[in-house]
């Protein structure tokens, strides 16, 4: 390991101070920078997709709730209760009134 130590140190120094080494480091940093930029772009796109999907789901749930309410308003208790569309009681919500 000690053979040509001085020569190897000199070669290493020459390489580390060379244009070739600088270009390799720049290429690595450029690759990571592009990956970071792509990731941020994908995150923005996914947020947009998720927000659009969230709005679609909200719209469907709202329309379903409106339709259920209209039918219950017309038919009353003749229509089966859909628990998820009914107001939960305090017990169901886990609320306790302390005496």
PDB file of N, CA and C in Angstrom:
ATOM      1  N   UNK A   1       0.827  -1.196   0.000  1.00  0.00           N
ATOM      2  CA  UNK A   1       0.000   0.000   0.000  1.00  0.00           C
ATOM      3  C   UNK A   1       0.862   1.248   0.000  1.00  0.00           C
ATOM      4  N   UNK A   2       2.042   1.114   0.568  1.00  0.00           N
ATOM      5  CA  UNK A   2       2.913   2.278   0.669  1.00  0.00           C
ATOM      6  C   UNK A   2       3.697   2.518  -0.616  1.00  0.00           C
ATOM      7  N   UNK A   3       3.691   1.508  -1.528  1.00  0.00           N
ATOM      8  CA  UNK A   3       4.437   1.660  -2.768  1.00  0.00           C
ATOM      9  C   UNK A   3       3.873   2.823  -3.573  1.00  0.00           C
ATOM     10  N   UNK A   4       4.725   3.643  -4.056  1.00  0.00           N
ATOM     11  CA  UNK A   4       4.365   4.769  -4.927  1.00  0.00           C
ATOM     12  C   UNK A   4       3.343   5.703  -4.287  1.00  0.00           C
ATOM     13  N   UNK A   5       3.361   5.792  -2.962  1.00  0.00           N
ATOM     14  CA  UNK A   5       2.390   6.640  -2.250  1.00  0.00           C
ATOM     15  C   UNK A   5       2.473   8.079  -2.729  1.00  0.00           C
ATOM     16  N   UNK A   6       3.685   8.566  -2.858  1.00  0.00           N
ATOM     17  CA  UNK A   6       3.855   9.944  -3.324  1.00  0.00           C
ATOM     18  C   UNK A   6       3.319  10.137  -4.726  1.00  0.00           C
ATOM     19  N   UNK A   7       3.580   9.165  -5.604  1.00  0.00           N
ATOM     20  CA  UNK A   7       3.089   9.250  -6.986  1.00  0.00           C
ATOM     21  C   UNK A   7       1.561   9.227  -7.024  1.00  0.00           C
ATOM     22  N   UNK A   8       0.969   8.327  -6.204  1.00  0.00           N
ATOM     23  CA  UNK A   8      -0.484   8.213  -6.165  1.00  0.00           C
ATOM     24  C   UNK A   8      -1.124   9.482  -5.612  1.00  0.00           C
ATOM     25  N   UNK A   9      -0.486  10.067  -4.582  1.00  0.00           N
ATOM     26  CA  UNK A   9      -1.013  11.316  -4.022  1.00  0.00           C
ATOM     27  C   UNK A   9      -0.956  12.424  -5.059  1.00  0.00           C
ATOM     28  N   UNK A  10       0.137  12.469  -5.799  1.00  0.00           N
ATOM     29  CA  UNK A  10       0.271  13.470  -6.853  1.00  0.00           C
ATOM     30  C   UNK A  10      -0.763  13.287  -7.943  1.00  0.00           C
ATOM     31  N   UNK A  11      -0.994  12.013  -8.331  1.00  0.00           N
ATOM     32  CA  UNK A  11      -1.998  11.719  -9.360  1.00  0.00           C
ATOM     33  C   UNK A  11      -3.407  12.084  -8.872  1.00  0.00           C
ATOM     34  N   UNK A  12      -3.648  11.760  -7.602  1.00  0.00           N
ATOM     35  CA  UNK A  12      -4.958  12.083  -7.033  1.00  0.00           C
ATOM     36  C   UNK A  12      -5.166  13.593  -6.983  1.00  0.00           C
ATOM     37  N   UNK A  13      -4.151  14.314  -6.558  1.00  0.00           N
ATOM     38  CA  UNK A  13      -4.232  15.772  -6.502  1.00  0.00           C
ATOM     39  C   UNK A  13      -4.487  16.335  -7.897  1.00  0.00           C
ATOM     40  N   UNK A  14      -3.739  15.828  -8.871  1.00  0.00           N
ATOM     41  CA  UNK A  14      -3.919  16.303 -10.250  1.00  0.00           C
ATOM     42  C   UNK A  14      -5.344  16.052 -10.739  1.00  0.00           C
ATOM     43  N   UNK A  15      -5.885  14.864 -10.401  1.00  0.00           N
ATOM     44  CA  UNK A  15      -7.245  14.545 -10.831  1.00  0.00           C
ATOM     45  C   UNK A  15      -8.266  15.441 -10.150  1.00  0.00           C
ATOM     46  N   UNK A  16      -8.117  15.623  -8.830  1.00  0.00           N
ATOM     47  CA  UNK A  16      -9.080  16.435  -8.082  1.00  0.00           C
ATOM     48  C   UNK A  16      -9.056  17.898  -8.497  1.00  0.00           C
ATOM     49  N   UNK A  17      -7.973  18.360  -9.018  1.00  0.00           N
ATOM     50  CA  UNK A  17      -7.873  19.760  -9.444  1.00  0.00           C
ATOM     51  C   UNK A  17      -8.067  19.916 -10.951  1.00  0.00           C
ATOM     52  N   UNK A  18      -8.419  18.821 -11.616  1.00  0.00           N
ATOM     53  CA  UNK A  18      -8.540  18.862 -13.080  1.00  0.00           C
ATOM     54  C   UNK A  18      -9.930  19.315 -13.531  1.00  0.00           C
ATOM     55  N   UNK A  19     -10.002  19.699 -14.776  1.00  0.00           N
ATOM     56  CA  UNK A  19     -11.263  20.069 -15.414  1.00  0.00           C
ATOM     57  C   UNK A  19     -12.178  18.849 -15.520  1.00  0.00           C
ATOM     58  N   UNK A  20     -11.598  17.684 -15.757  1.00  0.00           N
ATOM     59  CA  UNK A  20     -12.371  16.445 -15.865  1.00  0.00           C
ATOM     60  C   UNK A  20     -13.156  16.177 -14.581  1.00  0.00           C
ATOM     61  N   UNK A  21     -12.514  16.326 -13.418  1.00  0.00           N
ATOM     62  CA  UNK A  21     -13.182  16.107 -12.133  1.00  0.00           C
ATOM     63  C   UNK A  21     -14.306  17.118 -11.940  1.00  0.00           C
ATOM     64  N   UNK A  22     -14.028  18.382 -12.249  1.00  0.00           N
ATOM     65  CA  UNK A  22     -15.049  19.417 -12.120  1.00  0.00           C
ATOM     66  C   UNK A  22     -16.262  19.099 -12.993  1.00  0.00           C
ATOM     67  N   UNK A  23     -16.013  18.663 -14.229  1.00  0.00           N
ATOM     68  CA  UNK A  23     -17.111  18.327 -15.136  1.00  0.00           C
ATOM     69  C   UNK A  23     -17.923  17.138 -14.629  1.00  0.00           C
ATOM     70  N   UNK A  24     -17.252  16.157 -14.031  1.00  0.00           N
ATOM     71  CA  UNK A  24     -17.962  15.006 -13.481  1.00  0.00           C
ATOM     72  C   UNK A  24     -18.857  15.424 -12.305  1.00  0.00           C
ATOM     73  N   UNK A  25     -18.333  16.260 -11.434  1.00  0.00           N
ATOM     74  CA  UNK A  25     -19.118  16.741 -10.294  1.00  0.00           C
ATOM     75  C   UNK A  25     -20.303  17.570 -10.795  1.00  0.00           C
ATOM     76  N   UNK A  26     -20.079  18.441 -11.765  1.00  0.00           N
ATOM     77  CA  UNK A  26     -21.167  19.241 -12.324  1.00  0.00           C
ATOM     78  C   UNK A  26     -22.249  18.353 -12.934  1.00  0.00           C
ATOM     79  N   UNK A  27     -21.832  17.270 -13.614  1.00  0.00           N
ATOM     80  CA  UNK A  27     -22.795  16.357 -14.227  1.00  0.00           C
ATOM     81  C   UNK A  27     -23.641  15.668 -13.146  1.00  0.00           C
ATOM     82  N   UNK A  28     -23.009  15.285 -12.053  1.00  0.00           N
ATOM     83  CA  UNK A  28     -23.741  14.649 -10.947  1.00  0.00           C
ATOM     84  C   UNK A  28     -24.743  15.631 -10.353  1.00  0.00           C
ATOM     85  N   UNK A  29     -24.294  16.845 -10.073  1.00  0.00           N
ATOM     86  CA  UNK A  29     -25.172  17.858  -9.488  1.00  0.00           C
ATOM     87  C   UNK A  29     -26.306  18.200 -10.461  1.00  0.00           C
ATOM     88  N   UNK A  30     -25.989  18.288 -11.735  1.00  0.00           N
ATOM     89  CA  UNK A  30     -27.009  18.575 -12.740  1.00  0.00           C
ATOM     90  C   UNK A  30     -28.069  17.470 -12.765  1.00  0.00           C
ATOM     91  N   UNK A  31     -27.627  16.225 -12.661  1.00  0.00           N
ATOM     92  CA  UNK A  31     -28.565  15.100 -12.627  1.00  0.00           C
ATOM     93  C   UNK A  31     -29.496  15.184 -11.428  1.00  0.00           C
ATOM     94  N   UNK A  32     -28.936  15.448 -10.244  1.00  0.00           N
ATOM     95  CA  UNK A  32     -29.768  15.569  -9.048  1.00  0.00           C
ATOM     96  C   UNK A  32     -30.692  16.780  -9.123  1.00  0.00           C
ATOM     97  N   UNK A  33     -30.201  17.872  -9.680  1.00  0.00           N
ATOM     98  CA  UNK A  33     -31.023  19.071  -9.820  1.00  0.00           C
ATOM     99  C   UNK A  33     -32.213  18.798 -10.735  1.00  0.00           C
ATOM    100  N   UNK A  34     -31.977  18.079 -11.833  1.00  0.00           N
ATOM    101  CA  UNK A  34     -33.065  17.739 -12.755  1.00  0.00           C
ATOM    102  C   UNK A  34     -34.059  16.793 -12.095  1.00  0.00           C
ATOM    103  N   UNK A  35     -33.551  15.834 -11.335  1.00  0.00           N
ATOM    104  CA  UNK A  35     -34.434  14.910 -10.622  1.00  0.00           C
ATOM    105  C   UNK A  35     -35.304  15.669  -9.621  1.00  0.00           C
ATOM    106  N   UNK A  36     -34.717  16.623  -8.916  1.00  0.00           N
ATOM    107  CA  UNK A  36     -35.462  17.429  -7.935  1.00  0.00           C
ATOM    108  C   UNK A  36     -36.542  18.242  -8.642  1.00  0.00           C
ATOM    109  N   UNK A  37     -36.190  18.840  -9.758  1.00  0.00           N
ATOM    110  CA  UNK A  37     -37.146  19.632 -10.532  1.00  0.00           C
ATOM    111  C   UNK A  37     -38.299  18.756 -11.039  1.00  0.00           C
ATOM    112  N   UNK A  38     -37.963  17.576 -11.545  1.00  0.00           N
ATOM    113  CA  UNK A  38     -38.994  16.651 -12.028  1.00  0.00           C
ATOM    114  C   UNK A  38     -39.919  16.232 -10.890  1.00  0.00           C
ATOM    115  N   UNK A  39     -39.351  15.940  -9.723  1.00  0.00           N
ATOM    116  CA  UNK A  39     -40.147  15.542  -8.568  1.00  0.00           C
ATOM    117  C   UNK A  39     -41.111  16.651  -8.165  1.00  0.00           C
ATOM    118  N   UNK A  40     -40.625  17.889  -8.119  1.00  0.00           N
ATOM    119  CA  UNK A  40     -41.478  19.019  -7.757  1.00  0.00           C
ATOM    120  C   UNK A  40     -42.598  19.203  -8.773  1.00  0.00           C
ATOM    121  N   UNK A  41     -42.282  19.015 -10.047  1.00  0.00           N
ATOM    122  CA  UNK A  41     -43.291  19.121 -11.097  1.00  0.00           C
ATOM    123  C   UNK A  41     -44.349  18.025 -10.935  1.00  0.00           C
ATOM    124  N   UNK A  42     -43.911  16.805 -10.657  1.00  0.00           N
ATOM    125  CA  UNK A  42     -44.842  15.702 -10.440  1.00  0.00           C
ATOM    126  C   UNK A  42     -45.724  15.964  -9.224  1.00  0.00           C
ATOM    127  N   UNK A  43     -45.143  16.518  -8.169  1.00  0.00           N
ATOM    128  CA  UNK A  43     -45.921  16.818  -6.961  1.00  0.00           C
ATOM    129  C   UNK A  43     -47.007  17.848  -7.265  1.00  0.00           C
ATOM    130  N   UNK A  44     -46.662  18.877  -8.026  1.00  0.00           N
ATOM    131  CA  UNK A  44     -47.661  19.888  -8.401  1.00  0.00           C
ATOM    132  C   UNK A  44     -48.780  19.255  -9.225  1.00  0.00           C
ATOM    133  N   UNK A  45     -48.401  18.409 -10.162  1.00  0.00           N
ATOM    134  CA  UNK A  45     -49.395  17.743 -11.007  1.00  0.00           C
ATOM    135  C   UNK A  45     -50.304  16.850 -10.179  1.00  0.00           C
ATOM    136  N   UNK A  46     -49.723  16.080  -9.266  1.00  0.00           N
ATOM    137  CA  UNK A  46     -50.519  15.182  -8.435  1.00  0.00           C
ATOM    138  C   UNK A  46     -51.457  15.972  -7.523  1.00  0.00           C
ATOM    139  N   UNK A  47     -50.976  17.097  -6.977  1.00  0.00           N
ATOM    140  CA  UNK A  47     -51.853  17.922  -6.139  1.00  0.00           C
ATOM    141  C   UNK A  47     -53.059  18.385  -6.951  1.00  0.00           C
ATOM    142  N   UNK A  48     -52.809  18.769  -8.179  1.00  0.00           N
ATOM    143  CA  UNK A  48     -53.892  19.219  -9.057  1.00  0.00           C
ATOM    144  C   UNK A  48     -54.869  18.074  -9.331  1.00  0.00           C
ATOM    145  N   UNK A  49     -54.351  16.895  -9.621  1.00  0.00           N
ATOM    146  CA  UNK A  49     -55.192  15.728  -9.882  1.00  0.00           C
ATOM    147  C   UNK A  49     -55.998  15.381  -8.641  1.00  0.00           C
ATOM    148  N   UNK A  50     -55.339  15.384  -7.470  1.00  0.00           N
ATOM    149  CA  UNK A  50     -56.035  15.051  -6.224  1.00  0.00           C
ATOM    150  C   UNK A  50     -57.132  16.065  -5.918  1.00  0.00           C
ATOM    151  N   UNK A  51     -56.842  17.339  -6.137  1.00  0.00           N
ATOM    152  CA  UNK A  51     -57.836  18.382  -5.863  1.00  0.00           C
ATOM    153  C   UNK A  51     -59.035  18.209  -6.795  1.00  0.00           C
ATOM    154  N   UNK A  52     -58.780  17.909  -8.063  1.00  0.00           N
ATOM    155  CA  UNK A  52     -59.865  17.679  -9.020  1.00  0.00           C
ATOM    156  C   UNK A  52     -60.705  16.481  -8.582  1.00  0.00           C
ATOM    157  N   UNK A  53     -60.045  15.393  -8.203  1.00  0.00           N
ATOM    158  CA  UNK A  53     -60.759  14.190  -7.757  1.00  0.00           C
ATOM    159  C   UNK A  53     -61.558  14.482  -6.499  1.00  0.00           C
ATOM    160  N   UNK A  54     -60.977  15.251  -5.571  1.00  0.00           N
ATOM    161  CA  UNK A  54     -61.663  15.619  -4.332  1.00  0.00           C
ATOM    162  C   UNK A  54     -62.948  16.396  -4.642  1.00  0.00           C
ATOM    163  N   UNK A  55     -62.877  17.318  -5.587  1.00  0.00           N
ATOM    164  CA  UNK A  55     -64.052  18.100  -5.974  1.00  0.00           C
ATOM    165  C   UNK A  55     -65.116  17.197  -6.597  1.00  0.00           C
ATOM    166  N   UNK A  56     -64.692  16.226  -7.421  1.00  0.00           N
ATOM    167  CA  UNK A  56     -65.637  15.300  -8.031  1.00  0.00           C
ATOM    168  C   UNK A  56     -66.349  14.477  -6.959  1.00  0.00           C
ATOM    169  N   UNK A  57     -65.589  13.976  -5.996  1.00  0.00           N
ATOM    170  CA  UNK A  57     -66.166  13.175  -4.905  1.00  0.00           C
ATOM    171  C   UNK A  57     -67.137  14.019  -4.087  1.00  0.00           C
ATOM    172  N   UNK A  58     -66.724  15.245  -3.758  1.00  0.00           N
ATOM    173  CA  UNK A  58     -67.603  16.139  -3.001  1.00  0.00           C
ATOM    174  C   UNK A  58     -68.913  16.379  -3.751  1.00  0.00           C
ATOM    175  N   UNK A  59     -68.817  16.567  -5.060  1.00  0.00           N
ATOM    176  CA  UNK A  59     -70.011  16.822  -5.869  1.00  0.00           C
ATOM    177  C   UNK A  59     -70.943  15.619  -5.860  1.00  0.00           C
ATOM    178  N   UNK A  60     -70.383  14.424  -6.021  1.00  0.00           N
ATOM    179  CA  UNK A  60     -71.203  13.208  -6.014  1.00  0.00           C
ATOM    180  C   UNK A  60     -71.862  13.024  -4.647  1.00  0.00           C
ATOM    181  N   UNK A  61     -71.098  13.210  -3.573  1.00  0.00           N
ATOM    182  CA  UNK A  61     -71.667  13.060  -2.233  1.00  0.00           C
ATOM    183  C   UNK A  61     -72.756  14.092  -1.961  1.00  0.00           C
ATOM    184  N   UNK A  62     -72.536  15.326  -2.379  1.00  0.00           N
ATOM    185  CA  UNK A  62     -73.530  16.371  -2.191  1.00  0.00           C
ATOM    186  C   UNK A  62     -74.817  16.043  -2.949  1.00  0.00           C
ATOM    187  N   UNK A  63     -74.682  15.640  -4.202  1.00  0.00           N
ATOM    188  CA  UNK A  63     -75.861  15.299  -4.998  1.00  0.00           C
ATOM    189  C   UNK A  63     -76.591  14.078  -4.441  1.00  0.00           C
ATOM    190  N   UNK A  64     -75.842  13.109  -3.941  1.00  0.00           N
ATOM    191  CA  UNK A  64     -76.453  11.925  -3.332  1.00  0.00           C
ATOM    192  C   UNK A  64     -77.222  12.312  -2.076  1.00  0.00           C
ATOM    193  N   UNK A  65     -76.600  13.150  -1.263  1.00  0.00           N
ATOM    194  CA  UNK A  65     -77.251  13.609  -0.034  1.00  0.00           C
ATOM    195  C   UNK A  65     -78.506  14.409  -0.354  1.00  0.00           C
ATOM    196  N   UNK A  66     -78.433  15.281  -1.350  1.00  0.00           N
ATOM    197  CA  UNK A  66     -79.601  16.073  -1.757  1.00  0.00           C
ATOM    198  C   UNK A  66     -80.733  15.167  -2.240  1.00  0.00           C
ATOM    199  N   UNK A  67     -80.388  14.166  -3.050  1.00  0.00           N
ATOM    200  CA  UNK A  67     -81.393  13.266  -3.576  1.00  0.00           C
ATOM    201  C   UNK A  67     -82.025  12.463  -2.436  1.00  0.00           C
ATOM    202  N   UNK A  68     -81.200  11.967  -1.535  1.00  0.00           N
ATOM    203  CA  UNK A  68     -81.703  11.200  -0.382  1.00  0.00           C
ATOM    204  C   UNK A  68     -82.623  12.076   0.466  1.00  0.00           C
ATOM    205  N   UNK A  69     -82.219  13.295   0.711  1.00  0.00           N
ATOM    206  CA  UNK A  69     -83.046  14.214   1.493  1.00  0.00           C
ATOM    207  C   UNK A  69     -84.372  14.502   0.816  1.00  0.00           C
ATOM    208  N   UNK A  70     -84.371  14.678  -0.495  1.00  0.00           N
ATOM    209  CA  UNK A  70     -85.610  14.930  -1.239  1.00  0.00           C
ATOM    210  C   UNK A  70     -86.560  13.741  -1.155  1.00  0.00           C
ATOM    211  N   UNK A  71     -85.993  12.565  -1.342  1.00  0.00           N
ATOM    212  CA  UNK A  71     -86.815  11.359  -1.288  1.00  0.00           C
ATOM    213  C   UNK A  71     -87.376  11.159   0.114  1.00  0.00           C
ATOM    214  N   UNK A  72     -86.543  11.354   1.147  1.00  0.00           N
ATOM    215  CA  UNK A  72     -87.009  11.224   2.530  1.00  0.00           C
ATOM    216  C   UNK A  72     -88.077  12.274   2.832  1.00  0.00           C
ATOM    217  N   UNK A  73     -87.914  13.467   2.229  1.00  0.00           N
ATOM    218  CA  UNK A  73     -88.908  14.510   2.432  1.00  0.00           C
ATOM    219  C   UNK A  73     -90.246  14.154   1.828  1.00  0.00           C
ATOM    220  N   UNK A  74     -90.225  13.445   0.716  1.00  0.00           N
ATOM    221  CA  UNK A  74     -91.461  13.036   0.045  1.00  0.00           C
ATOM    222  C   UNK A  74     -92.043  11.773   0.683  1.00  0.00           C
ATOM    223  N   UNK A  75     -91.208  10.757   0.856  1.00  0.00           N
ATOM    224  CA  UNK A  75     -91.704   9.452   1.306  1.00  0.00           C
ATOM    225  C   UNK A  75     -91.644   9.265   2.814  1.00  0.00           C
ATOM    226  N   UNK A  76     -90.912  10.113   3.500  1.00  0.00           N
ATOM    227  CA  UNK A  76     -90.812  10.005   4.954  1.00  0.00           C
ATOM    228  C   UNK A  76     -90.107   8.735   5.389  1.00  0.00           C
ATOM    229  N   UNK A  77     -90.628   8.153   6.456  1.00  0.00           N
ATOM    230  CA  UNK A  77     -90.002   6.967   7.039  1.00  0.00           C
ATOM    231  C   UNK A  77     -90.216   5.694   6.225  1.00  0.00           C
ATOM    232  N   UNK A  78     -90.967   5.785   5.126  1.00  0.00           N
ATOM    233  CA  UNK A  78     -91.156   4.621   4.269  1.00  0.00           C
ATOM    234  C   UNK A  78     -89.839   4.239   3.586  1.00  0.00           C
ATOM    235  N   UNK A  79     -88.940   5.211   3.490  1.00  0.00           N
ATOM    236  CA  UNK A  79     -87.633   4.970   2.877  1.00  0.00           C
ATOM    237  C   UNK A  79     -86.671   4.501   3.961  1.00  0.00           C
ATOM    238  N   UNK A  80     -85.946   3.451   3.660  1.00  0.00           N
ATOM    239  CA  UNK A  80     -84.953   2.933   4.604  1.00  0.00           C
ATOM    240  C   UNK A  80     -83.937   4.023   4.939  1.00  0.00           C
ATOM    241  N   UNK A  81     -83.505   4.034   6.196  1.00  0.00           N
ATOM    242  CA  UNK A  81     -82.507   5.004   6.651  1.00  0.00           C
ATOM    243  C   UNK A  81     -81.123   4.584   6.188  1.00  0.00           C
ATOM    244  N   UNK A  82     -80.389   5.527   5.662  1.00  0.00           N
ATOM    245  CA  UNK A  82     -78.992   5.309   5.311  1.00  0.00           C
ATOM    246  C   UNK A  82     -78.173   6.006   6.389  1.00  0.00           C
ATOM    247  N   UNK A  83     -77.578   5.216   7.269  1.00  0.00           N
ATOM    248  CA  UNK A  83     -76.917   5.747   8.459  1.00  0.00           C
ATOM    249  C   UNK A  83     -75.846   6.793   8.131  1.00  0.00           C
ATOM    250  N   UNK A  84     -75.113   6.588   7.070  1.00  0.00           N
ATOM    251  CA  UNK A  84     -74.053   7.533   6.725  1.00  0.00           C
ATOM    252  C   UNK A  84     -74.578   8.895   6.280  1.00  0.00           C
ATOM    253  N   UNK A  85     -75.849   8.937   5.947  1.00  0.00           N
ATOM    254  CA  UNK A  85     -76.450  10.199   5.510  1.00  0.00           C
ATOM    255  C   UNK A  85     -77.312  10.836   6.592  1.00  0.00           C
ATOM    256  N   UNK A  86     -77.353  10.219   7.747  1.00  0.00           N
ATOM    257  CA  UNK A  86     -78.129  10.738   8.863  1.00  0.00           C
ATOM    258  C   UNK A  86     -77.203  11.416   9.860  1.00  0.00           C
ATOM    259  N   UNK A  87     -77.759  12.355  10.602  1.00  0.00           N
ATOM    260  CA  UNK A  87     -77.011  13.036  11.645  1.00  0.00           C
ATOM    261  C   UNK A  87     -76.765  12.060  12.779  1.00  0.00           C
ATOM    262  N   UNK A  88     -75.514  11.913  13.178  1.00  0.00           N
ATOM    263  CA  UNK A  88     -75.165  10.980  14.246  1.00  0.00           C
ATOM    264  C   UNK A  88     -75.584  11.552  15.593  1.00  0.00           C
ATOM    265  N   UNK A  89     -75.946  10.647  16.506  1.00  0.00           N
ATOM    266  CA  UNK A  89     -76.285  11.088  17.859  1.00  0.00           C
ATOM    267  C   UNK A  89     -75.008  11.386  18.629  1.00  0.00           C
ATOM    268  N   UNK A  90     -75.163  12.033  19.799  1.00  0.00           N
ATOM    269  CA  UNK A  90     -74.002  12.344  20.630  1.00  0.00           C
ATOM    270  C   UNK A  90     -73.242  11.085  21.010  1.00  0.00           C
ATOM    271  N   UNK A  91     -73.965  10.010  21.317  1.00  0.00           N
ATOM    272  CA  UNK A  91     -73.316   8.749  21.688  1.00  0.00           C
ATOM    273  C   UNK A  91     -72.492   8.204  20.522  1.00  0.00           C
ATOM    274  N   UNK A  92     -73.052   8.279  19.330  1.00  0.00           N
ATOM    275  CA  UNK A  92     -72.339   7.781  18.151  1.00  0.00           C
ATOM    276  C   UNK A  92     -71.102   8.607  17.861  1.00  0.00           C
ATOM    277  N   UNK A  93     -71.148   9.868  18.157  1.00  0.00           N
ATOM    278  CA  UNK A  93     -70.001  10.743  17.934  1.00  0.00           C
ATOM    279  C   UNK A  93     -68.956  10.597  19.027  1.00  0.00           C
ATOM    280  N   UNK A  94     -69.310   9.860  20.082  1.00  0.00           N
ATOM    281  CA  UNK A  94     -68.378   9.664  21.169  1.00  0.00           C
ATOM    282  C   UNK A  94     -68.361  10.822  22.142  1.00  0.00           C
ATOM    283  N   UNK A  95     -69.387  11.642  22.076  1.00  0.00           N
ATOM    284  CA  UNK A  95     -69.474  12.777  22.982  1.00  0.00           C
ATOM    285  C   UNK A  95     -70.184  12.348  24.252  1.00  0.00           C
ATOM    286  N   UNK A  96     -69.649  12.746  25.376  1.00  0.00           N
ATOM    287  CA  UNK A  96     -70.278  12.419  26.640  1.00  0.00           C
ATOM    288  C   UNK A  96     -70.524  13.715  27.394  1.00  0.00           C
ATOM    289  N   UNK A  97     -71.704  13.801  27.982  1.00  0.00           N
ATOM    290  CA  UNK A  97     -72.039  14.973  28.770  1.00  0.00           C
ATOM    291  C   UNK A  97     -71.727  14.642  30.227  1.00  0.00           C
ATOM    292  N   UNK A  98     -70.843  15.431  30.809  1.00  0.00           N
ATOM    293  CA  UNK A  98     -70.471  15.207  32.209  1.00  0.00           C
ATOM    294  C   UNK A  98     -71.473  15.871  33.121  1.00  0.00           C
ATOM    295  N   UNK A  99     -71.888  15.148  34.144  1.00  0.00           N
ATOM    296  CA  UNK A  99     -72.833  15.693  35.121  1.00  0.00           C
ATOM    297  C   UNK A  99     -72.098  16.333  36.262  1.00  0.00           C
TER     298      UNK A  99
END
